[in-house]
Amino acid sequence: MPMSSAAPIARWQIETHFQRLAQQLHDEPAGLDAPRAALFAFTIAIVAGNALALVMGALRAAHGEEAVRELSYYYFVLEVSQTWKGMAVAVAESDWAFVRH
């Protein structure tokens, strides 16, 4: 049975998505010995990866493929990831205890 030409492209897109999760969204941060904390971090990385894909799709729809190619994933992720500083001020440390047990 011949493989569709769309199948390798879809596989490449999925592999690229998971590569971005690993490299830029740090899907497995070191030092998370608690399984629930590691699972929480992985889940947040997947949600962030899906948000990145959504932004890329919106950018592609509004400005074309060239704008997506010019997007720096590193700086985009850096900008979004710095939101934790505001969360650290707004949410008490004790409110995060559920991910440590």
C-alpha atoms as a PDB file:
ATOM      1  CA  MET A   1       0.000   0.000   0.000  1.00  0.00           C
ATOM      2  CA  PRO A   2       1.687   3.284  -1.065  1.00  0.00           C
ATOM      3  CA  MET A   3       2.228   5.980   1.541  1.00  0.00           C
ATOM      4  CA  SER A   4       0.470   9.268   0.982  1.00  0.00           C
ATOM      5  CA  SER A   5       2.775  12.212   0.338  1.00  0.00           C
ATOM      6  CA  ALA A   6       0.982  14.098   3.124  1.00  0.00           C
ATOM      7  CA  ALA A   7       1.943  11.505   5.753  1.00  0.00           C
ATOM      8  CA  PRO A   8       5.683  12.326   5.874  1.00  0.00           C
ATOM      9  CA  ILE A   9       4.912  16.053   6.035  1.00  0.00           C
ATOM     10  CA  ALA A  10       2.479  15.526   8.924  1.00  0.00           C
ATOM     11  CA  ARG A  11       5.033  13.378  10.748  1.00  0.00           C
ATOM     12  CA  TRP A  12       7.711  16.048  10.235  1.00  0.00           C
ATOM     13  CA  GLN A  13       5.390  18.718  11.647  1.00  0.00           C
ATOM     14  CA  ILE A  14       4.670  16.606  14.744  1.00  0.00           C
ATOM     15  CA  GLU A  15       8.361  15.847  15.277  1.00  0.00           C
ATOM     16  CA  THR A  16       9.230  19.538  14.897  1.00  0.00           C
ATOM     17  CA  HIS A  17       6.548  20.430  17.458  1.00  0.00           C
ATOM     18  CA  PHE A  18       7.995  17.987  20.012  1.00  0.00           C
ATOM     19  CA  GLN A  19      11.524  19.208  19.289  1.00  0.00           C
ATOM     20  CA  ARG A  20      10.398  22.735  20.187  1.00  0.00           C
ATOM     21  CA  LEU A  21       8.819  21.384  23.371  1.00  0.00           C
ATOM     22  CA  ALA A  22      12.105  19.775  24.368  1.00  0.00           C
ATOM     23  CA  GLN A  23      14.478  22.561  23.373  1.00  0.00           C
ATOM     24  CA  GLN A  24      12.643  25.806  23.967  1.00  0.00           C
ATOM     25  CA  LEU A  25       9.837  24.972  26.365  1.00  0.00           C
ATOM     26  CA  HIS A  26      11.963  22.686  28.557  1.00  0.00           C
ATOM     27  CA  ASP A  27       9.420  19.865  28.742  1.00  0.00           C
ATOM     28  CA  GLU A  28      11.606  17.912  31.209  1.00  0.00           C
ATOM     29  CA  PRO A  29      13.205  20.416  33.581  1.00  0.00           C
ATOM     30  CA  ALA A  30      15.987  19.030  35.757  1.00  0.00           C
ATOM     31  CA  GLY A  31      15.439  18.854  39.486  1.00  0.00           C
ATOM     32  CA  LEU A  32      11.789  17.874  39.490  1.00  0.00           C
ATOM     33  CA  ASP A  33      12.049  14.730  41.593  1.00  0.00           C
ATOM     34  CA  ALA A  34       8.359  14.716  42.459  1.00  0.00           C
ATOM     35  CA  PRO A  35       6.409  12.830  39.772  1.00  0.00           C
ATOM     36  CA  ARG A  36       3.390  15.118  40.041  1.00  0.00           C
ATOM     37  CA  ALA A  37       5.566  18.208  39.594  1.00  0.00           C
ATOM     38  CA  ALA A  38       7.287  16.676  36.552  1.00  0.00           C
ATOM     39  CA  LEU A  39       3.932  15.718  35.034  1.00  0.00           C
ATOM     40  CA  PHE A  40       2.604  19.217  35.710  1.00  0.00           C
ATOM     41  CA  ALA A  41       5.673  20.771  34.018  1.00  0.00           C
ATOM     42  CA  PHE A  42       5.292  18.475  31.001  1.00  0.00           C
ATOM     43  CA  THR A  43       1.592  19.318  30.727  1.00  0.00           C
ATOM     44  CA  ILE A  44       2.308  23.045  30.878  1.00  0.00           C
ATOM     45  CA  ALA A  45       4.958  22.619  28.159  1.00  0.00           C
ATOM     46  CA  ILE A  46       2.406  20.871  25.925  1.00  0.00           C
ATOM     47  CA  VAL A  47      -0.172  23.624  26.527  1.00  0.00           C
ATOM     48  CA  ALA A  48       2.497  26.242  25.752  1.00  0.00           C
ATOM     49  CA  GLY A  49       3.459  24.338  22.597  1.00  0.00           C
ATOM     50  CA  ASN A  50      -0.156  24.318  21.469  1.00  0.00           C
ATOM     51  CA  ALA A  51      -0.398  28.056  22.184  1.00  0.00           C
ATOM     52  CA  LEU A  52       2.728  28.581  20.072  1.00  0.00           C
ATOM     53  CA  ALA A  53       1.150  26.581  17.230  1.00  0.00           C
ATOM     54  CA  LEU A  54      -2.007  28.705  17.550  1.00  0.00           C
ATOM     55  CA  VAL A  55      -0.006  31.943  17.349  1.00  0.00           C
ATOM     56  CA  MET A  56       1.872  30.627  14.318  1.00  0.00           C
ATOM     57  CA  GLY A  57      -1.417  29.739  12.621  1.00  0.00           C
ATOM     58  CA  ALA A  58      -2.888  33.170  13.317  1.00  0.00           C
ATOM     59  CA  LEU A  59       0.306  34.835  12.124  1.00  0.00           C
ATOM     60  CA  ARG A  60       0.233  32.730   8.942  1.00  0.00           C
ATOM     61  CA  ALA A  61      -3.429  33.591   8.294  1.00  0.00           C
ATOM     62  CA  ALA A  62      -2.931  37.320   8.839  1.00  0.00           C
ATOM     63  CA  HIS A  63       0.527  37.891   7.360  1.00  0.00           C
ATOM     64  CA  GLY A  64       1.485  34.838   5.303  1.00  0.00           C
ATOM     65  CA  GLU A  65       4.111  32.129   5.477  1.00  0.00           C
ATOM     66  CA  GLU A  66       7.028  34.565   5.327  1.00  0.00           C
ATOM     67  CA  ALA A  67       6.059  36.085   8.688  1.00  0.00           C
ATOM     68  CA  VAL A  68       6.036  32.620  10.279  1.00  0.00           C
ATOM     69  CA  ARG A  69       9.509  31.857   8.905  1.00  0.00           C
ATOM     70  CA  GLU A  70      10.800  35.137  10.364  1.00  0.00           C
ATOM     71  CA  LEU A  71       9.395  34.353  13.836  1.00  0.00           C
ATOM     72  CA  SER A  72      12.097  33.666  16.418  1.00  0.00           C
ATOM     73  CA  TYR A  73      10.821  30.794  18.538  1.00  0.00           C
ATOM     74  CA  TYR A  74      13.510  31.483  21.119  1.00  0.00           C
ATOM     75  CA  TYR A  75      12.485  35.112  21.701  1.00  0.00           C
ATOM     76  CA  PHE A  76       8.784  34.298  21.538  1.00  0.00           C
ATOM     77  CA  VAL A  77       9.166  31.613  24.217  1.00  0.00           C
ATOM     78  CA  LEU A  78      11.423  33.888  26.276  1.00  0.00           C
ATOM     79  CA  GLU A  79       8.795  36.639  26.240  1.00  0.00           C
ATOM     80  CA  VAL A  80       5.996  34.301  27.288  1.00  0.00           C
ATOM     81  CA  SER A  81       8.058  32.413  29.875  1.00  0.00           C
ATOM     82  CA  GLN A  82       8.887  35.553  31.814  1.00  0.00           C
ATOM     83  CA  THR A  83       5.250  35.736  32.910  1.00  0.00           C
ATOM     84  CA  TRP A  84       6.174  33.554  35.918  1.00  0.00           C
ATOM     85  CA  LYS A  85       7.757  36.590  37.572  1.00  0.00           C
ATOM     86  CA  GLY A  86       4.356  38.256  37.779  1.00  0.00           C
ATOM     87  CA  MET A  87       2.755  35.040  38.964  1.00  0.00           C
ATOM     88  CA  ALA A  88       5.367  34.744  41.727  1.00  0.00           C
ATOM     89  CA  VAL A  89       4.263  38.137  43.033  1.00  0.00           C
ATOM     90  CA  ALA A  90       0.514  37.569  42.591  1.00  0.00           C
ATOM     91  CA  VAL A  91       0.182  33.953  43.813  1.00  0.00           C
ATOM     92  CA  ALA A  92       1.430  32.849  47.220  1.00  0.00           C
ATOM     93  CA  GLU A  93       4.010  30.045  47.311  1.00  0.00           C
ATOM     94  CA  SER A  94       1.689  27.942  49.473  1.00  0.00           C
ATOM     95  CA  ASP A  95      -0.881  27.911  46.637  1.00  0.00           C
ATOM     96  CA  TRP A  96       1.567  25.812  44.556  1.00  0.00           C
ATOM     97  CA  ALA A  97       1.939  23.127  47.239  1.00  0.00           C
ATOM     98  CA  PHE A  98      -0.391  20.741  45.377  1.00  0.00           C
ATOM     99  CA  VAL A  99       2.277  20.122  42.712  1.00  0.00           C
ATOM    100  CA  ARG A 100       4.916  19.199  45.308  1.00  0.00           C
ATOM    101  CA  HIS A 101       3.082  16.332  47.023  1.00  0.00           C
END
